N, C-alpha and C. Protein backbone atom coordinates (compact mmCIF):
# COMPACT_ATOMS: atom_id res chain seq x y z
N MET A 1 -93.74 202.82 227.39
CA MET A 1 -93.72 201.30 227.50
C MET A 1 -92.53 200.89 228.29
N PHE A 2 -91.30 201.48 228.18
CA PHE A 2 -90.18 201.03 228.85
C PHE A 2 -90.27 201.26 230.40
N GLN A 3 -91.10 202.14 230.79
CA GLN A 3 -91.36 202.42 232.22
C GLN A 3 -91.99 201.23 232.88
N ARG A 4 -92.78 200.44 232.14
CA ARG A 4 -93.50 199.27 232.70
C ARG A 4 -92.75 197.96 232.49
N ILE A 5 -91.73 197.98 231.60
CA ILE A 5 -91.02 196.75 231.42
C ILE A 5 -90.14 196.36 232.74
N HIS A 6 -90.23 195.10 233.09
CA HIS A 6 -89.54 194.65 234.27
C HIS A 6 -88.03 194.97 234.13
N PRO A 7 -87.48 195.55 235.27
CA PRO A 7 -86.08 196.04 235.14
C PRO A 7 -85.09 194.94 234.71
N GLU A 8 -85.28 193.69 234.88
CA GLU A 8 -84.39 192.69 234.45
C GLU A 8 -84.48 192.44 232.96
N ASP A 9 -85.59 192.86 232.35
CA ASP A 9 -85.89 192.62 230.95
C ASP A 9 -85.55 193.78 230.02
N VAL A 10 -85.33 195.01 230.56
CA VAL A 10 -85.23 196.12 229.78
C VAL A 10 -84.10 196.01 228.72
N ALA A 11 -82.95 195.55 229.19
CA ALA A 11 -81.85 195.49 228.19
C ALA A 11 -82.10 194.51 227.03
N SER A 12 -82.66 193.33 227.36
CA SER A 12 -82.94 192.41 226.27
C SER A 12 -84.02 192.85 225.34
N VAL A 13 -85.07 193.63 225.97
CA VAL A 13 -86.12 194.18 225.04
C VAL A 13 -85.55 195.22 224.11
N GLN A 14 -84.73 196.09 224.71
CA GLN A 14 -84.13 197.13 223.95
C GLN A 14 -83.26 196.60 222.80
N GLU A 15 -82.49 195.66 223.12
CA GLU A 15 -81.61 194.91 222.15
C GLU A 15 -82.44 194.27 221.10
N THR A 16 -83.50 193.60 221.43
CA THR A 16 -84.40 192.96 220.40
C THR A 16 -85.06 193.96 219.48
N LEU A 17 -85.48 195.07 220.03
CA LEU A 17 -86.14 196.13 219.32
C LEU A 17 -85.10 196.76 218.40
N ASP A 18 -83.94 197.10 218.85
CA ASP A 18 -82.84 197.69 217.99
C ASP A 18 -82.52 196.86 216.84
N ARG A 19 -82.34 195.49 217.14
CA ARG A 19 -82.03 194.60 216.01
C ARG A 19 -83.14 194.50 215.03
N GLY A 20 -84.34 194.50 215.50
CA GLY A 20 -85.46 194.47 214.56
C GLY A 20 -85.53 195.65 213.66
N VAL A 21 -85.39 196.88 214.31
CA VAL A 21 -85.44 198.13 213.54
C VAL A 21 -84.33 198.21 212.54
N GLN A 22 -83.09 197.86 213.00
CA GLN A 22 -81.99 197.99 212.09
C GLN A 22 -82.07 197.11 210.87
N GLY A 23 -82.59 195.90 211.10
CA GLY A 23 -82.65 194.89 210.01
C GLY A 23 -84.01 194.81 209.37
N SER A 24 -85.03 195.72 209.87
CA SER A 24 -86.33 195.69 209.31
C SER A 24 -86.88 194.30 209.45
N MET A 25 -86.67 193.71 210.60
CA MET A 25 -87.04 192.33 210.80
C MET A 25 -88.41 192.27 211.59
N ASP A 26 -89.13 191.19 211.43
CA ASP A 26 -90.26 190.90 212.29
C ASP A 26 -89.83 190.68 213.67
N LEU A 27 -90.72 190.91 214.64
CA LEU A 27 -90.31 190.72 216.10
C LEU A 27 -91.19 189.57 216.65
N ASP A 28 -90.64 188.75 217.53
CA ASP A 28 -91.22 187.70 218.26
C ASP A 28 -90.46 187.47 219.54
N PHE A 29 -90.93 187.97 220.63
CA PHE A 29 -90.14 187.75 221.89
C PHE A 29 -91.13 187.85 223.08
N GLU A 30 -90.57 187.49 224.22
CA GLU A 30 -91.35 187.52 225.49
C GLU A 30 -90.61 188.39 226.48
N HIS A 31 -91.39 189.00 227.31
CA HIS A 31 -90.81 189.74 228.47
C HIS A 31 -91.86 189.95 229.49
N ARG A 32 -91.48 190.65 230.64
CA ARG A 32 -92.42 190.89 231.63
C ARG A 32 -92.66 192.37 231.84
N PHE A 33 -93.90 192.62 232.26
CA PHE A 33 -94.30 193.99 232.56
C PHE A 33 -94.39 194.02 234.09
N LEU A 34 -93.89 195.15 234.71
CA LEU A 34 -94.00 195.34 236.11
C LEU A 34 -95.17 196.30 236.32
N MET A 35 -96.26 195.86 236.89
CA MET A 35 -97.46 196.70 237.09
C MET A 35 -97.33 197.61 238.25
N SER A 36 -98.23 198.63 238.29
CA SER A 36 -98.16 199.68 239.37
C SER A 36 -98.42 199.07 240.69
N ASP A 37 -99.23 198.00 240.74
CA ASP A 37 -99.49 197.30 242.07
C ASP A 37 -98.37 196.30 242.47
N GLY A 38 -97.32 196.29 241.72
CA GLY A 38 -96.18 195.36 242.02
C GLY A 38 -96.33 194.03 241.39
N SER A 39 -97.48 193.63 240.84
CA SER A 39 -97.60 192.37 240.11
C SER A 39 -96.78 192.33 238.83
N VAL A 40 -96.56 191.14 238.37
CA VAL A 40 -95.78 190.97 237.14
C VAL A 40 -96.70 190.29 236.05
N LYS A 41 -96.70 190.82 234.92
CA LYS A 41 -97.43 190.27 233.73
C LYS A 41 -96.41 189.79 232.78
N TYR A 42 -96.58 188.51 232.33
CA TYR A 42 -95.73 187.90 231.23
C TYR A 42 -96.45 188.06 229.97
N VAL A 43 -95.73 188.60 228.94
CA VAL A 43 -96.31 188.88 227.66
C VAL A 43 -95.53 188.32 226.54
N HIS A 44 -96.20 188.03 225.49
CA HIS A 44 -95.53 187.56 224.16
C HIS A 44 -95.84 188.67 223.15
N VAL A 45 -94.86 189.17 222.53
CA VAL A 45 -95.01 190.18 221.52
C VAL A 45 -94.64 189.66 220.17
N VAL A 46 -95.52 189.89 219.19
CA VAL A 46 -95.33 189.43 217.75
C VAL A 46 -95.63 190.70 216.95
N ALA A 47 -94.76 191.03 216.10
CA ALA A 47 -94.97 192.23 215.16
C ALA A 47 -94.44 192.05 213.87
N HIS A 48 -95.11 192.44 212.85
CA HIS A 48 -94.64 192.25 211.44
C HIS A 48 -94.19 193.66 211.02
N ALA A 49 -92.95 193.73 210.40
CA ALA A 49 -92.33 194.89 209.93
C ALA A 49 -92.85 195.21 208.53
N ILE A 50 -93.33 196.43 208.33
CA ILE A 50 -93.78 196.90 206.94
C ILE A 50 -93.23 198.28 206.75
N ARG A 51 -93.02 198.68 205.49
CA ARG A 51 -92.55 200.03 205.11
C ARG A 51 -93.79 200.66 204.49
N ASP A 52 -94.10 202.02 204.82
CA ASP A 52 -95.17 202.76 204.17
C ASP A 52 -94.60 203.32 202.85
N GLU A 53 -95.44 204.12 202.21
CA GLU A 53 -95.11 204.70 200.88
C GLU A 53 -93.81 205.56 200.93
N GLN A 54 -93.59 206.20 202.05
CA GLN A 54 -92.39 207.06 202.18
C GLN A 54 -91.14 206.23 202.69
N GLY A 55 -91.29 204.91 202.90
CA GLY A 55 -90.18 204.11 203.30
C GLY A 55 -90.02 204.01 204.80
N HIS A 56 -90.90 204.56 205.54
CA HIS A 56 -90.79 204.58 207.03
C HIS A 56 -91.17 203.19 207.51
N LEU A 57 -90.44 202.73 208.49
CA LEU A 57 -90.69 201.37 209.08
C LEU A 57 -91.78 201.43 210.07
N GLU A 58 -92.75 200.59 209.94
CA GLU A 58 -93.88 200.50 210.92
C GLU A 58 -93.99 198.97 211.37
N TYR A 59 -94.47 198.85 212.52
CA TYR A 59 -94.82 197.48 213.02
C TYR A 59 -96.28 197.34 213.28
N VAL A 60 -96.84 196.18 212.81
CA VAL A 60 -98.18 195.83 213.12
C VAL A 60 -98.10 194.57 213.87
N GLY A 61 -98.59 194.53 215.02
CA GLY A 61 -98.57 193.32 215.85
C GLY A 61 -99.52 193.19 216.97
N ALA A 62 -99.29 192.30 217.82
CA ALA A 62 -100.15 191.94 218.89
C ALA A 62 -99.33 191.58 220.18
N VAL A 63 -99.88 191.81 221.37
CA VAL A 63 -99.25 191.39 222.62
C VAL A 63 -100.25 190.48 223.32
N THR A 64 -99.68 189.29 223.66
CA THR A 64 -100.59 188.34 224.25
C THR A 64 -100.15 188.16 225.78
N ASP A 65 -101.11 188.15 226.66
CA ASP A 65 -100.79 188.00 228.05
C ASP A 65 -100.65 186.47 228.39
N LEU A 66 -99.41 186.17 228.82
CA LEU A 66 -99.06 184.78 229.21
C LEU A 66 -98.99 184.53 230.62
N THR A 67 -99.46 185.42 231.45
CA THR A 67 -99.33 185.36 232.91
C THR A 67 -99.92 184.10 233.41
N GLU A 68 -101.09 183.80 233.11
CA GLU A 68 -101.69 182.48 233.65
C GLU A 68 -100.93 181.24 233.20
N HIS A 69 -100.59 181.33 231.96
CA HIS A 69 -99.82 180.17 231.35
C HIS A 69 -98.43 179.98 232.15
N LYS A 70 -97.73 181.08 232.34
CA LYS A 70 -96.46 180.97 233.10
C LYS A 70 -96.66 180.59 234.54
N LEU A 71 -97.66 181.10 235.26
CA LEU A 71 -98.01 180.69 236.57
C LEU A 71 -98.30 179.22 236.66
N ALA A 72 -99.09 178.77 235.63
CA ALA A 72 -99.44 177.28 235.65
C ALA A 72 -98.16 176.51 235.40
N GLU A 73 -97.32 176.94 234.47
CA GLU A 73 -96.02 176.23 234.30
C GLU A 73 -95.22 176.18 235.53
N ASP A 74 -95.08 177.35 236.24
CA ASP A 74 -94.37 177.30 237.57
C ASP A 74 -94.97 176.33 238.58
N ALA A 75 -96.30 176.36 238.65
CA ALA A 75 -96.93 175.42 239.62
C ALA A 75 -96.67 173.99 239.22
N LEU A 76 -96.72 173.71 237.94
CA LEU A 76 -96.49 172.31 237.43
C LEU A 76 -95.03 171.92 237.73
N ARG A 77 -94.11 172.84 237.55
CA ARG A 77 -92.68 172.50 237.88
C ARG A 77 -92.52 172.28 239.36
N ARG A 78 -93.21 173.10 240.22
CA ARG A 78 -93.11 172.89 241.63
C ARG A 78 -93.66 171.45 242.05
N SER A 79 -94.82 171.18 241.46
CA SER A 79 -95.54 169.85 241.70
C SER A 79 -94.62 168.73 241.24
N GLN A 80 -93.99 168.87 240.10
CA GLN A 80 -93.11 167.79 239.59
C GLN A 80 -91.88 167.66 240.50
N ALA A 81 -91.39 168.76 241.02
CA ALA A 81 -90.22 168.65 241.90
C ALA A 81 -90.61 168.00 243.29
N ALA A 82 -91.87 168.42 243.75
CA ALA A 82 -92.34 167.75 245.02
C ALA A 82 -92.68 166.26 244.82
N LEU A 83 -93.21 165.92 243.64
CA LEU A 83 -93.42 164.44 243.34
C LEU A 83 -92.12 163.65 243.21
N ALA A 84 -91.18 164.25 242.63
CA ALA A 84 -89.82 163.61 242.40
C ALA A 84 -89.14 163.47 243.84
N HIS A 85 -89.40 164.42 244.69
CA HIS A 85 -88.82 164.30 246.05
C HIS A 85 -89.47 163.17 246.88
N VAL A 86 -90.80 163.06 246.65
CA VAL A 86 -91.57 162.01 247.46
C VAL A 86 -91.16 160.62 246.81
N ALA A 87 -90.95 160.60 245.54
CA ALA A 87 -90.46 159.24 244.91
C ALA A 87 -89.05 158.95 245.42
N ARG A 88 -88.19 159.88 245.52
CA ARG A 88 -86.86 159.61 246.05
C ARG A 88 -86.92 159.17 247.51
N MET A 89 -87.71 159.81 248.30
CA MET A 89 -87.85 159.51 249.77
C MET A 89 -88.46 158.13 249.85
N THR A 90 -89.42 157.75 249.02
CA THR A 90 -90.07 156.42 249.08
C THR A 90 -88.95 155.40 248.72
N MET A 91 -88.19 155.67 247.72
CA MET A 91 -87.16 154.73 247.24
C MET A 91 -86.11 154.57 248.33
N LEU A 92 -85.76 155.66 248.99
CA LEU A 92 -84.83 155.69 250.04
C LEU A 92 -85.31 154.81 251.22
N GLY A 93 -86.58 155.00 251.53
CA GLY A 93 -87.18 154.18 252.57
C GLY A 93 -87.13 152.70 252.31
N GLU A 94 -87.50 152.34 251.05
CA GLU A 94 -87.45 150.97 250.61
C GLU A 94 -85.98 150.42 250.70
N LEU A 95 -85.09 151.21 250.22
CA LEU A 95 -83.67 150.84 250.19
C LEU A 95 -83.19 150.59 251.64
N THR A 96 -83.60 151.50 252.52
CA THR A 96 -83.10 151.46 253.84
C THR A 96 -83.62 150.20 254.60
N ALA A 97 -84.94 149.87 254.34
CA ALA A 97 -85.49 148.65 254.86
C ALA A 97 -84.78 147.41 254.32
N SER A 98 -84.41 147.46 252.98
CA SER A 98 -83.80 146.26 252.41
C SER A 98 -82.38 146.15 252.98
N ILE A 99 -81.67 147.26 253.14
CA ILE A 99 -80.29 147.24 253.74
C ILE A 99 -80.31 146.74 255.16
N ALA A 100 -81.34 147.17 255.92
CA ALA A 100 -81.39 146.72 257.33
C ALA A 100 -81.74 145.25 257.37
N HIS A 101 -82.53 144.77 256.53
CA HIS A 101 -82.86 143.36 256.44
C HIS A 101 -81.63 142.52 256.04
N GLU A 102 -80.92 142.97 254.98
CA GLU A 102 -79.78 142.23 254.49
C GLU A 102 -78.64 142.28 255.55
N GLY A 103 -78.49 143.38 256.26
CA GLY A 103 -77.46 143.41 257.21
C GLY A 103 -77.74 142.74 258.52
N ASN A 104 -79.02 142.73 258.95
CA ASN A 104 -79.40 142.19 260.18
C ASN A 104 -79.33 140.63 260.11
N GLN A 105 -79.54 139.98 259.03
CA GLN A 105 -79.55 138.53 259.07
C GLN A 105 -78.17 137.97 259.39
N PRO A 106 -77.11 138.37 258.80
CA PRO A 106 -75.86 137.69 259.20
C PRO A 106 -75.34 138.25 260.59
N LEU A 107 -75.71 139.43 261.00
CA LEU A 107 -75.42 139.90 262.33
C LEU A 107 -76.11 139.14 263.36
N ALA A 108 -77.42 138.79 263.12
CA ALA A 108 -78.14 137.94 264.12
C ALA A 108 -77.47 136.59 264.23
N GLY A 109 -76.98 136.08 263.06
CA GLY A 109 -76.24 134.78 263.08
C GLY A 109 -74.97 134.86 263.94
N VAL A 110 -74.28 135.95 263.84
CA VAL A 110 -73.03 136.17 264.65
C VAL A 110 -73.35 136.21 266.03
N PHE A 111 -74.40 136.90 266.45
CA PHE A 111 -74.87 137.01 267.80
C PHE A 111 -75.25 135.65 268.40
N THR A 112 -76.13 134.97 267.67
CA THR A 112 -76.68 133.69 268.13
C THR A 112 -75.57 132.67 268.28
N ASN A 113 -74.63 132.58 267.28
CA ASN A 113 -73.55 131.65 267.36
C ASN A 113 -72.62 132.02 268.50
N GLY A 114 -72.40 133.29 268.77
CA GLY A 114 -71.54 133.74 269.85
C GLY A 114 -72.11 133.30 271.20
N GLN A 115 -73.45 133.41 271.38
CA GLN A 115 -74.14 132.94 272.58
C GLN A 115 -73.99 131.50 272.74
N ALA A 116 -74.23 130.77 271.67
CA ALA A 116 -74.12 129.27 271.74
C ALA A 116 -72.63 128.84 272.06
N CYS A 117 -71.69 129.47 271.51
CA CYS A 117 -70.34 129.16 271.85
C CYS A 117 -70.06 129.40 273.33
N LEU A 118 -70.49 130.55 273.82
CA LEU A 118 -70.30 130.75 275.26
C LEU A 118 -70.99 129.71 276.14
N ARG A 119 -72.13 129.26 275.75
CA ARG A 119 -72.83 128.16 276.58
C ARG A 119 -72.05 126.89 276.53
N TRP A 120 -71.51 126.51 275.25
CA TRP A 120 -70.68 125.25 275.16
C TRP A 120 -69.41 125.34 275.94
N LEU A 121 -68.81 126.56 275.98
CA LEU A 121 -67.60 126.72 276.83
C LEU A 121 -67.87 126.79 278.23
N ALA A 122 -69.08 127.15 278.69
CA ALA A 122 -69.42 127.29 280.08
C ALA A 122 -69.81 126.02 280.77
N ARG A 123 -69.93 124.90 279.98
CA ARG A 123 -70.28 123.66 280.53
C ARG A 123 -69.27 123.10 281.50
N ALA A 124 -69.65 122.19 282.30
CA ALA A 124 -68.62 121.69 283.22
C ALA A 124 -67.51 121.04 282.45
N VAL A 125 -67.80 120.28 281.37
CA VAL A 125 -66.84 119.86 280.38
C VAL A 125 -67.11 120.56 279.06
N PRO A 126 -66.28 121.57 278.84
CA PRO A 126 -66.54 122.37 277.65
C PRO A 126 -66.59 121.48 276.36
N ASP A 127 -67.65 121.78 275.56
CA ASP A 127 -67.81 121.07 274.25
C ASP A 127 -67.05 121.91 273.18
N LEU A 128 -65.76 121.55 273.04
CA LEU A 128 -64.90 122.37 272.15
C LEU A 128 -65.35 122.17 270.70
N VAL A 129 -65.74 121.00 270.33
CA VAL A 129 -66.11 120.78 268.92
C VAL A 129 -67.29 121.72 268.52
N GLU A 130 -68.30 121.74 269.40
CA GLU A 130 -69.47 122.58 269.11
C GLU A 130 -69.07 124.07 269.22
N ALA A 131 -68.23 124.43 270.17
CA ALA A 131 -67.78 125.84 270.27
C ALA A 131 -67.06 126.24 269.04
N ARG A 132 -66.21 125.37 268.53
CA ARG A 132 -65.47 125.73 267.33
C ARG A 132 -66.39 125.81 266.17
N ALA A 133 -67.38 124.93 265.99
CA ALA A 133 -68.36 125.03 264.91
C ALA A 133 -69.13 126.42 264.97
N ALA A 134 -69.51 126.74 266.22
CA ALA A 134 -70.21 128.03 266.46
C ALA A 134 -69.34 129.26 266.00
N LEU A 135 -68.09 129.19 266.44
CA LEU A 135 -67.12 130.26 266.03
C LEU A 135 -67.00 130.31 264.45
N GLU A 136 -66.87 129.17 263.88
CA GLU A 136 -66.72 129.11 262.35
C GLU A 136 -68.00 129.69 261.71
N ARG A 137 -69.22 129.42 262.27
CA ARG A 137 -70.41 129.96 261.75
C ARG A 137 -70.43 131.46 261.96
N SER A 138 -70.00 131.98 263.09
CA SER A 138 -69.86 133.42 263.37
C SER A 138 -68.99 134.09 262.38
N ILE A 139 -67.76 133.44 262.06
CA ILE A 139 -66.89 134.02 261.09
C ILE A 139 -67.62 134.08 259.72
N ARG A 140 -68.31 132.95 259.40
CA ARG A 140 -69.02 132.97 258.04
C ARG A 140 -70.08 134.04 258.04
N ASP A 141 -70.81 134.22 259.06
CA ASP A 141 -71.88 135.24 259.09
C ASP A 141 -71.26 136.62 259.06
N GLY A 142 -70.09 136.86 259.75
CA GLY A 142 -69.43 138.12 259.70
C GLY A 142 -68.98 138.42 258.30
N GLN A 143 -68.49 137.41 257.61
CA GLN A 143 -68.02 137.65 256.14
C GLN A 143 -69.29 138.03 255.33
N ARG A 144 -70.37 137.29 255.59
CA ARG A 144 -71.67 137.67 254.77
C ARG A 144 -72.06 139.08 255.05
N ALA A 145 -72.01 139.58 256.34
CA ALA A 145 -72.31 140.91 256.62
C ALA A 145 -71.34 141.96 255.90
N SER A 146 -70.05 141.58 255.88
CA SER A 146 -69.05 142.31 255.19
C SER A 146 -69.33 142.44 253.72
N ALA A 147 -69.72 141.36 253.16
CA ALA A 147 -70.19 141.31 251.70
C ALA A 147 -71.29 142.20 251.36
N VAL A 148 -72.31 142.13 252.33
CA VAL A 148 -73.44 143.02 252.12
C VAL A 148 -73.02 144.52 252.14
N ILE A 149 -72.15 144.86 252.97
CA ILE A 149 -71.64 146.18 253.07
C ILE A 149 -70.87 146.62 251.81
N ARG A 150 -70.04 145.65 251.35
CA ARG A 150 -69.33 145.94 250.06
C ARG A 150 -70.21 146.18 248.90
N ARG A 151 -71.31 145.30 248.86
CA ARG A 151 -72.31 145.52 247.77
C ARG A 151 -73.00 146.82 247.81
N ILE A 152 -73.28 147.22 249.04
CA ILE A 152 -73.97 148.43 249.22
C ILE A 152 -73.03 149.64 248.77
N ARG A 153 -71.81 149.54 249.21
CA ARG A 153 -70.84 150.59 248.79
C ARG A 153 -70.69 150.66 247.22
N ALA A 154 -70.69 149.46 246.62
CA ALA A 154 -70.55 149.36 245.17
C ALA A 154 -71.72 150.04 244.50
N LEU A 155 -72.90 150.13 245.10
CA LEU A 155 -74.01 150.86 244.43
C LEU A 155 -73.72 152.32 244.24
N SER A 156 -72.90 152.87 245.09
CA SER A 156 -72.63 154.31 245.08
C SER A 156 -71.41 154.66 244.27
N THR A 157 -70.76 153.61 243.67
CA THR A 157 -69.59 153.88 242.92
C THR A 157 -69.80 153.47 241.50
N LYS A 158 -69.01 153.75 240.55
CA LYS A 158 -69.14 153.49 239.15
C LYS A 158 -68.46 152.09 238.88
N THR A 159 -68.82 151.14 239.51
CA THR A 159 -68.33 149.77 239.26
C THR A 159 -69.42 148.91 238.63
N ASP A 160 -68.92 147.94 237.90
CA ASP A 160 -69.86 147.00 237.29
C ASP A 160 -70.59 146.20 238.38
N SER A 161 -71.88 145.97 238.15
CA SER A 161 -72.62 145.23 239.20
C SER A 161 -72.36 143.71 238.87
N GLN A 162 -72.52 143.04 239.97
CA GLN A 162 -72.45 141.56 239.96
C GLN A 162 -73.78 140.94 240.19
N ARG A 163 -74.17 139.98 239.45
CA ARG A 163 -75.43 139.32 239.69
C ARG A 163 -74.98 138.08 240.63
N ALA A 164 -75.86 137.91 241.69
CA ALA A 164 -75.63 136.75 242.56
C ALA A 164 -76.95 136.27 243.05
């Protein structure tokens, strides 16, 4: 039997069997068999310890092949990991679109107000009142963009969120 036990499981199977025999305990454990073709079989061993009339310890039990169950569990785990990855990527895409939208709005305002300011200053008689108002709007929009970036950074730190 030990020739077929998967090399990584030999020590734990030997330890389980030794403990069971020394304590006359029932056995209930899982391990792998390494088959001659290189495939691996997962098995569940259950055995009941009994003593015969002479006091010799015997085990009566069964071995159940769990290979299909283990392979299905592995496939499920891989599918769940792939699904979690897709969910993270979807969320990241949505977050990226939201960040781009939130950041572009105030930056577009800075750009538009800067162009307007240049036009008012380029007139034959510069309109300083309008140029100043455009610069004030640019500063306000720049501060809005900075606030968006601060809020985005706060998402990645352990700070209390602010509702706005």
